[in-house]
Amino acid sequence: MGSPVCEAFGRNLRAMRKAKGFSQERLAHEAGIDRSYVGKIERGEVNVTIERIYQFANCLECSPKDLVLDLKWS
């Protein structure tokens, strides 16, 4: 697994994606990335860039802060 921050971001992304009714495949398509990469992000295996956070927020029609809410270093 990745860092606690990456894992928390992945949980937030998964929750927002599901709340919007998106599959991993749909989010990946709209973000222009591979579905497997979305899975890795949601599992906290990769650290995403600030640009990617904004891209996901745009696709999910939410604020970037919704995706980084409650991220804490442990």
PDB file of N, CA and C in Angstrom:
ATOM      1  N   MET A   1       0.832  -1.192   0.000  1.00  0.00           N
ATOM      2  CA  MET A   1       0.000   0.000   0.000  1.00  0.00           C
ATOM      3  C   MET A   1       0.868   1.244   0.000  1.00  0.00           C
ATOM      4  N   GLY A   2       0.242   2.363  -0.287  1.00  0.00           N
ATOM      5  CA  GLY A   2       0.939   3.633  -0.333  1.00  0.00           C
ATOM      6  C   GLY A   2       0.903   4.337   1.010  1.00  0.00           C
ATOM      7  N   SER A   3       1.108   5.619   0.959  1.00  0.00           N
ATOM      8  CA  SER A   3       1.097   6.424   2.175  1.00  0.00           C
ATOM      9  C   SER A   3      -0.336   6.587   2.683  1.00  0.00           C
ATOM     10  N   PRO A   4      -0.477   6.921   3.967  1.00  0.00           N
ATOM     11  CA  PRO A   4      -1.819   7.164   4.512  1.00  0.00           C
ATOM     12  C   PRO A   4      -2.574   8.260   3.753  1.00  0.00           C
ATOM     13  N   VAL A   5      -1.857   9.281   3.269  1.00  0.00           N
ATOM     14  CA  VAL A   5      -2.506  10.358   2.525  1.00  0.00           C
ATOM     15  C   VAL A   5      -3.037   9.838   1.186  1.00  0.00           C
ATOM     16  N   CYS A   6      -2.242   9.036   0.500  1.00  0.00           N
ATOM     17  CA  CYS A   6      -2.694   8.461  -0.775  1.00  0.00           C
ATOM     18  C   CYS A   6      -3.892   7.547  -0.566  1.00  0.00           C
ATOM     19  N   GLU A   7      -3.851   6.780   0.498  1.00  0.00           N
ATOM     20  CA  GLU A   7      -4.966   5.882   0.800  1.00  0.00           C
ATOM     21  C   GLU A   7      -6.229   6.673   1.120  1.00  0.00           C
ATOM     22  N   ALA A   8      -6.100   7.750   1.898  1.00  0.00           N
ATOM     23  CA  ALA A   8      -7.255   8.581   2.234  1.00  0.00           C
ATOM     24  C   ALA A   8      -7.813   9.262   0.988  1.00  0.00           C
ATOM     25  N   PHE A   9      -6.928   9.760   0.115  1.00  0.00           N
ATOM     26  CA  PHE A   9      -7.399  10.360  -1.124  1.00  0.00           C
ATOM     27  C   PHE A   9      -8.159   9.332  -1.954  1.00  0.00           C
ATOM     28  N   GLY A  10      -7.622   8.131  -2.038  1.00  0.00           N
ATOM     29  CA  GLY A  10      -8.289   7.070  -2.788  1.00  0.00           C
ATOM     30  C   GLY A  10      -9.673   6.762  -2.252  1.00  0.00           C
ATOM     31  N   ARG A  11      -9.804   6.739  -0.934  1.00  0.00           N
ATOM     32  CA  ARG A  11     -11.130   6.510  -0.328  1.00  0.00           C
ATOM     33  C   ARG A  11     -12.084   7.648  -0.683  1.00  0.00           C
ATOM     34  N   ASN A  12     -11.585   8.884  -0.615  1.00  0.00           N
ATOM     35  CA  ASN A  12     -12.429  10.039  -0.958  1.00  0.00           C
ATOM     36  C   ASN A  12     -12.857   9.993  -2.420  1.00  0.00           C
ATOM     37  N   LEU A  13     -11.919   9.670  -3.303  1.00  0.00           N
ATOM     38  CA  LEU A  13     -12.238   9.591  -4.720  1.00  0.00           C
ATOM     39  C   LEU A  13     -13.285   8.515  -4.973  1.00  0.00           C
ATOM     40  N   ARG A  14     -13.106   7.342  -4.368  1.00  0.00           N
ATOM     41  CA  ARG A  14     -14.057   6.243  -4.541  1.00  0.00           C
ATOM     42  C   ARG A  14     -15.447   6.651  -4.042  1.00  0.00           C
ATOM     43  N   ALA A  15     -15.500   7.277  -2.876  1.00  0.00           N
ATOM     44  CA  ALA A  15     -16.790   7.681  -2.315  1.00  0.00           C
ATOM     45  C   ALA A  15     -17.488   8.702  -3.213  1.00  0.00           C
ATOM     46  N   MET A  16     -16.743   9.685  -3.710  1.00  0.00           N
ATOM     47  CA  MET A  16     -17.335  10.698  -4.574  1.00  0.00           C
ATOM     48  C   MET A  16     -17.756  10.082  -5.907  1.00  0.00           C
ATOM     49  N   ARG A  17     -16.930   9.197  -6.436  1.00  0.00           N
ATOM     50  CA  ARG A  17     -17.263   8.536  -7.707  1.00  0.00           C
ATOM     51  C   ARG A  17     -18.560   7.747  -7.571  1.00  0.00           C
ATOM     52  N   LYS A  18     -18.668   6.986  -6.496  1.00  0.00           N
ATOM     53  CA  LYS A  18     -19.880   6.186  -6.282  1.00  0.00           C
ATOM     54  C   LYS A  18     -21.093   7.068  -6.018  1.00  0.00           C
ATOM     55  N   ALA A  19     -20.908   8.155  -5.268  1.00  0.00           N
ATOM     56  CA  ALA A  19     -22.013   9.076  -4.983  1.00  0.00           C
ATOM     57  C   ALA A  19     -22.558   9.691  -6.272  1.00  0.00           C
ATOM     58  N   LYS A  20     -21.690   9.884  -7.252  1.00  0.00           N
ATOM     59  CA  LYS A  20     -22.106  10.452  -8.540  1.00  0.00           C
ATOM     60  C   LYS A  20     -22.599   9.374  -9.502  1.00  0.00           C
ATOM     61  N   GLY A  21     -22.524   8.113  -9.092  1.00  0.00           N
ATOM     62  CA  GLY A  21     -22.999   7.024  -9.936  1.00  0.00           C
ATOM     63  C   GLY A  21     -22.056   6.655 -11.067  1.00  0.00           C
ATOM     64  N   PHE A  22     -20.777   6.996 -10.912  1.00  0.00           N
ATOM     65  CA  PHE A  22     -19.778   6.692 -11.931  1.00  0.00           C
ATOM     66  C   PHE A  22     -19.125   5.346 -11.641  1.00  0.00           C
ATOM     67  N   SER A  23     -18.882   4.580 -12.681  1.00  0.00           N
ATOM     68  CA  SER A  23     -18.021   3.408 -12.568  1.00  0.00           C
ATOM     69  C   SER A  23     -16.582   3.887 -12.687  1.00  0.00           C
ATOM     70  N   GLN A  24     -15.646   3.026 -12.322  1.00  0.00           N
ATOM     71  CA  GLN A  24     -14.237   3.368 -12.545  1.00  0.00           C
ATOM     72  C   GLN A  24     -13.992   3.597 -14.023  1.00  0.00           C
ATOM     73  N   GLU A  25     -14.627   2.792 -14.848  1.00  0.00           N
ATOM     74  CA  GLU A  25     -14.433   2.907 -16.291  1.00  0.00           C
ATOM     75  C   GLU A  25     -14.921   4.257 -16.815  1.00  0.00           C
ATOM     76  N   ARG A  26     -16.080   4.705 -16.330  1.00  0.00           N
ATOM     77  CA  ARG A  26     -16.599   5.997 -16.796  1.00  0.00           C
ATOM     78  C   ARG A  26     -15.695   7.146 -16.346  1.00  0.00           C
ATOM     79  N   LEU A  27     -15.265   7.113 -15.078  1.00  0.00           N
ATOM     80  CA  LEU A  27     -14.387   8.171 -14.597  1.00  0.00           C
ATOM     81  C   LEU A  27     -13.088   8.186 -15.402  1.00  0.00           C
ATOM     82  N   ALA A  28     -12.542   7.007 -15.635  1.00  0.00           N
ATOM     83  CA  ALA A  28     -11.303   6.907 -16.411  1.00  0.00           C
ATOM     84  C   ALA A  28     -11.496   7.476 -17.813  1.00  0.00           C
ATOM     85  N   HIS A  29     -12.593   7.120 -18.445  1.00  0.00           N
ATOM     86  CA  HIS A  29     -12.866   7.615 -19.799  1.00  0.00           C
ATOM     87  C   HIS A  29     -12.962   9.135 -19.809  1.00  0.00           C
ATOM     88  N   GLU A  30     -13.721   9.695 -18.872  1.00  0.00           N
ATOM     89  CA  GLU A  30     -13.908  11.144 -18.831  1.00  0.00           C
ATOM     90  C   GLU A  30     -12.614  11.884 -18.475  1.00  0.00           C
ATOM     91  N   ALA A  31     -11.751  11.225 -17.685  1.00  0.00           N
ATOM     92  CA  ALA A  31     -10.482  11.842 -17.298  1.00  0.00           C
ATOM     93  C   ALA A  31      -9.371  11.554 -18.305  1.00  0.00           C
ATOM     94  N   GLY A  32      -9.640  10.684 -19.272  1.00  0.00           N
ATOM     95  CA  GLY A  32      -8.650  10.376 -20.297  1.00  0.00           C
ATOM     96  C   GLY A  32      -7.500   9.519 -19.795  1.00  0.00           C
ATOM     97  N   ILE A  33      -7.806   8.643 -18.834  1.00  0.00           N
ATOM     98  CA  ILE A  33      -6.784   7.751 -18.286  1.00  0.00           C
ATOM     99  C   ILE A  33      -7.297   6.313 -18.321  1.00  0.00           C
ATOM    100  N   ASP A  34      -6.431   5.365 -18.026  1.00  0.00           N
ATOM    101  CA  ASP A  34      -6.791   3.956 -18.014  1.00  0.00           C
ATOM    102  C   ASP A  34      -7.567   3.601 -16.747  1.00  0.00           C
ATOM    103  N   ARG A  35      -8.552   2.701 -16.874  1.00  0.00           N
ATOM    104  CA  ARG A  35      -9.349   2.291 -15.735  1.00  0.00           C
ATOM    105  C   ARG A  35      -8.491   1.692 -14.629  1.00  0.00           C
ATOM    106  N   SER A  36      -7.463   0.952 -15.003  1.00  0.00           N
ATOM    107  CA  SER A  36      -6.615   0.327 -13.990  1.00  0.00           C
ATOM    108  C   SER A  36      -5.888   1.379 -13.149  1.00  0.00           C
ATOM    109  N   TYR A  37      -5.605   2.528 -13.746  1.00  0.00           N
ATOM    110  CA  TYR A  37      -4.954   3.608 -13.006  1.00  0.00           C
ATOM    111  C   TYR A  37      -5.903   4.188 -11.953  1.00  0.00           C
ATOM    112  N   VAL A  38      -7.187   4.311 -12.307  1.00  0.00           N
ATOM    113  CA  VAL A  38      -8.182   4.758 -11.317  1.00  0.00           C
ATOM    114  C   VAL A  38      -8.206   3.782 -10.150  1.00  0.00           C
ATOM    115  N   GLY A  39      -8.170   2.494 -10.432  1.00  0.00           N
ATOM    116  CA  GLY A  39      -8.148   1.484  -9.371  1.00  0.00           C
ATOM    117  C   GLY A  39      -6.935   1.634  -8.471  1.00  0.00           C
ATOM    118  N   LYS A  40      -5.787   1.871  -9.065  1.00  0.00           N
ATOM    119  CA  LYS A  40      -4.566   2.061  -8.272  1.00  0.00           C
ATOM    120  C   LYS A  40      -4.670   3.295  -7.388  1.00  0.00           C
ATOM    121  N   ILE A  41      -5.247   4.368  -7.923  1.00  0.00           N
ATOM    122  CA  ILE A  41      -5.432   5.582  -7.122  1.00  0.00           C
ATOM    123  C   ILE A  41      -6.367   5.285  -5.960  1.00  0.00           C
ATOM    124  N   GLU A  42      -7.480   4.634  -6.238  1.00  0.00           N
ATOM    125  CA  GLU A  42      -8.457   4.348  -5.187  1.00  0.00           C
ATOM    126  C   GLU A  42      -7.903   3.412  -4.116  1.00  0.00           C
ATOM    127  N   ARG A  43      -6.964   2.582  -4.479  1.00  0.00           N
ATOM    128  CA  ARG A  43      -6.326   1.692  -3.487  1.00  0.00           C
ATOM    129  C   ARG A  43      -5.164   2.374  -2.770  1.00  0.00           C
ATOM    130  N   GLY A  44      -4.868   3.606  -3.142  1.00  0.00           N
ATOM    131  CA  GLY A  44      -3.787   4.353  -2.493  1.00  0.00           C
ATOM    132  C   GLY A  44      -2.405   3.926  -2.937  1.00  0.00           C
ATOM    133  N   GLU A  45      -2.301   3.317  -4.101  1.00  0.00           N
ATOM    134  CA  GLU A  45      -1.026   2.805  -4.580  1.00  0.00           C
ATOM    135  C   GLU A  45      -0.189   3.841  -5.309  1.00  0.00           C
ATOM    136  N   VAL A  46      -0.808   4.934  -5.736  1.00  0.00           N
ATOM    137  CA  VAL A  46      -0.075   5.979  -6.456  1.00  0.00           C
ATOM    138  C   VAL A  46      -0.400   7.345  -5.871  1.00  0.00           C
ATOM    139  N   ASN A  47       0.546   8.256  -6.035  1.00  0.00           N
ATOM    140  CA  ASN A  47       0.382   9.627  -5.588  1.00  0.00           C
ATOM    141  C   ASN A  47      -0.008  10.465  -6.803  1.00  0.00           C
ATOM    142  N   VAL A  48      -1.167  11.109  -6.760  1.00  0.00           N
ATOM    143  CA  VAL A  48      -1.628  11.876  -7.914  1.00  0.00           C
ATOM    144  C   VAL A  48      -1.154  13.323  -7.845  1.00  0.00           C
ATOM    145  N   THR A  49      -1.082  13.945  -8.996  1.00  0.00           N
ATOM    146  CA  THR A  49      -0.672  15.347  -9.071  1.00  0.00           C
ATOM    147  C   THR A  49      -1.853  16.256  -8.762  1.00  0.00           C
ATOM    148  N   ILE A  50      -1.546  17.497  -8.476  1.00  0.00           N
ATOM    149  CA  ILE A  50      -2.597  18.484  -8.239  1.00  0.00           C
ATOM    150  C   ILE A  50      -3.442  18.673  -9.498  1.00  0.00           C
ATOM    151  N   GLU A  51      -2.809  18.570 -10.665  1.00  0.00           N
ATOM    152  CA  GLU A  51      -3.563  18.673 -11.919  1.00  0.00           C
ATOM    153  C   GLU A  51      -4.582  17.547 -12.038  1.00  0.00           C
ATOM    154  N   ARG A  52      -4.191  16.338 -11.641  1.00  0.00           N
ATOM    155  CA  ARG A  52      -5.109  15.195 -11.713  1.00  0.00           C
ATOM    156  C   ARG A  52      -6.257  15.375 -10.716  1.00  0.00           C
ATOM    157  N   ILE A  53      -5.974  15.917  -9.550  1.00  0.00           N
ATOM    158  CA  ILE A  53      -7.036  16.159  -8.563  1.00  0.00           C
ATOM    159  C   ILE A  53      -8.076  17.109  -9.155  1.00  0.00           C
ATOM    160  N   TYR A  54      -7.612  18.190  -9.787  1.00  0.00           N
ATOM    161  CA  TYR A  54      -8.536  19.135 -10.405  1.00  0.00           C
ATOM    162  C   TYR A  54      -9.299  18.486 -11.565  1.00  0.00           C
ATOM    163  N   GLN A  55      -8.634  17.623 -12.299  1.00  0.00           N
ATOM    164  CA  GLN A  55      -9.288  16.927 -13.408  1.00  0.00           C
ATOM    165  C   GLN A  55     -10.407  16.024 -12.884  1.00  0.00           C
ATOM    166  N   PHE A  56     -10.131  15.264 -11.828  1.00  0.00           N
ATOM    167  CA  PHE A  56     -11.170  14.414 -11.242  1.00  0.00           C
ATOM    168  C   PHE A  56     -12.326  15.256 -10.717  1.00  0.00           C
ATOM    169  N   ALA A  57     -12.010  16.360 -10.056  1.00  0.00           N
ATOM    170  CA  ALA A  57     -13.061  17.234  -9.523  1.00  0.00           C
ATOM    171  C   ALA A  57     -13.943  17.752 -10.655  1.00  0.00           C
ATOM    172  N   ASN A  58     -13.325  18.136 -11.770  1.00  0.00           N
ATOM    173  CA  ASN A  58     -14.090  18.609 -12.909  1.00  0.00           C
ATOM    174  C   ASN A  58     -14.999  17.507 -13.451  1.00  0.00           C
ATOM    175  N   CYS A  59     -14.474  16.313 -13.597  1.00  0.00           N
ATOM    176  CA  CYS A  59     -15.268  15.185 -14.108  1.00  0.00           C
ATOM    177  C   CYS A  59     -16.435  14.849 -13.178  1.00  0.00           C
ATOM    178  N   LEU A  60     -16.193  14.941 -11.878  1.00  0.00           N
ATOM    179  CA  LEU A  60     -17.205  14.573 -10.886  1.00  0.00           C
ATOM    180  C   LEU A  60     -18.073  15.759 -10.458  1.00  0.00           C
ATOM    181  N   GLU A  61     -17.811  16.921 -11.057  1.00  0.00           N
ATOM    182  CA  GLU A  61     -18.561  18.139 -10.747  1.00  0.00           C
ATOM    183  C   GLU A  61     -18.594  18.421  -9.247  1.00  0.00           C
ATOM    184  N   CYS A  62     -17.396  18.412  -8.670  1.00  0.00           N
ATOM    185  CA  CYS A  62     -17.256  18.724  -7.248  1.00  0.00           C
ATOM    186  C   CYS A  62     -16.056  19.651  -7.087  1.00  0.00           C
ATOM    187  N   SER A  63     -15.841  20.087  -5.889  1.00  0.00           N
ATOM    188  CA  SER A  63     -14.688  20.924  -5.593  1.00  0.00           C
ATOM    189  C   SER A  63     -13.474  20.030  -5.330  1.00  0.00           C
ATOM    190  N   PRO A  64     -12.293  20.461  -5.736  1.00  0.00           N
ATOM    191  CA  PRO A  64     -11.101  19.675  -5.387  1.00  0.00           C
ATOM    192  C   PRO A  64     -10.989  19.438  -3.885  1.00  0.00           C
ATOM    193  N   LYS A  65     -11.457  20.395  -3.087  1.00  0.00           N
ATOM    194  CA  LYS A  65     -11.367  20.216  -1.632  1.00  0.00           C
ATOM    195  C   LYS A  65     -12.219  19.040  -1.155  1.00  0.00           C
ATOM    196  N   ASP A  66     -13.273  18.683  -1.909  1.00  0.00           N
ATOM    197  CA  ASP A  66     -14.066  17.516  -1.541  1.00  0.00           C
ATOM    198  C   ASP A  66     -13.255  16.226  -1.643  1.00  0.00           C
ATOM    199  N   LEU A  67     -12.277  16.230  -2.519  1.00  0.00           N
ATOM    200  CA  LEU A  67     -11.448  15.047  -2.716  1.00  0.00           C
ATOM    201  C   LEU A  67     -10.268  14.975  -1.747  1.00  0.00           C
ATOM    202  N   VAL A  68      -9.878  16.106  -1.190  1.00  0.00           N
ATOM    203  CA  VAL A  68      -8.741  16.110  -0.265  1.00  0.00           C
ATOM    204  C   VAL A  68      -9.171  16.362   1.177  1.00  0.00           C
ATOM    205  N   LEU A  69     -10.455  16.416   1.414  1.00  0.00           N
ATOM    206  CA  LEU A  69     -10.987  16.643   2.761  1.00  0.00           C
ATOM    207  C   LEU A  69     -10.510  15.550   3.710  1.00  0.00           C
ATOM    208  N   ASP A  70     -10.063  15.970   4.856  1.00  0.00           N
ATOM    209  CA  ASP A  70      -9.647  15.060   5.934  1.00  0.00           C
ATOM    210  C   ASP A  70      -8.412  14.229   5.632  1.00  0.00           C
ATOM    211  N   LEU A  71      -7.567  14.672   4.706  1.00  0.00           N
ATOM    212  CA  LEU A  71      -6.305  13.946   4.484  1.00  0.00           C
ATOM    213  C   LEU A  71      -5.358  14.306   5.605  1.00  0.00           C
ATOM    214  N   LYS A  72      -4.772  13.315   6.229  1.00  0.00           N
ATOM    215  CA  LYS A  72      -3.865  13.545   7.350  1.00  0.00           C
ATOM    216  C   LYS A  72      -2.656  12.643   7.213  1.00  0.00           C
ATOM    217  N   TRP A  73      -1.510  13.180   7.575  1.00  0.00           N
ATOM    218  CA  TRP A  73      -0.298  12.363   7.671  1.00  0.00           C
ATOM    219  C   TRP A  73      -0.384  11.563   8.964  1.00  0.00           C
ATOM    220  N   SER A  74       0.004  10.330   8.889  1.00  0.00           N
ATOM    221  CA  SER A  74       0.002   9.496  10.106  1.00  0.00           C
ATOM    222  C   SER A  74       1.403   9.086  10.460  1.00  0.00           C
TER     223      SER A  74
END
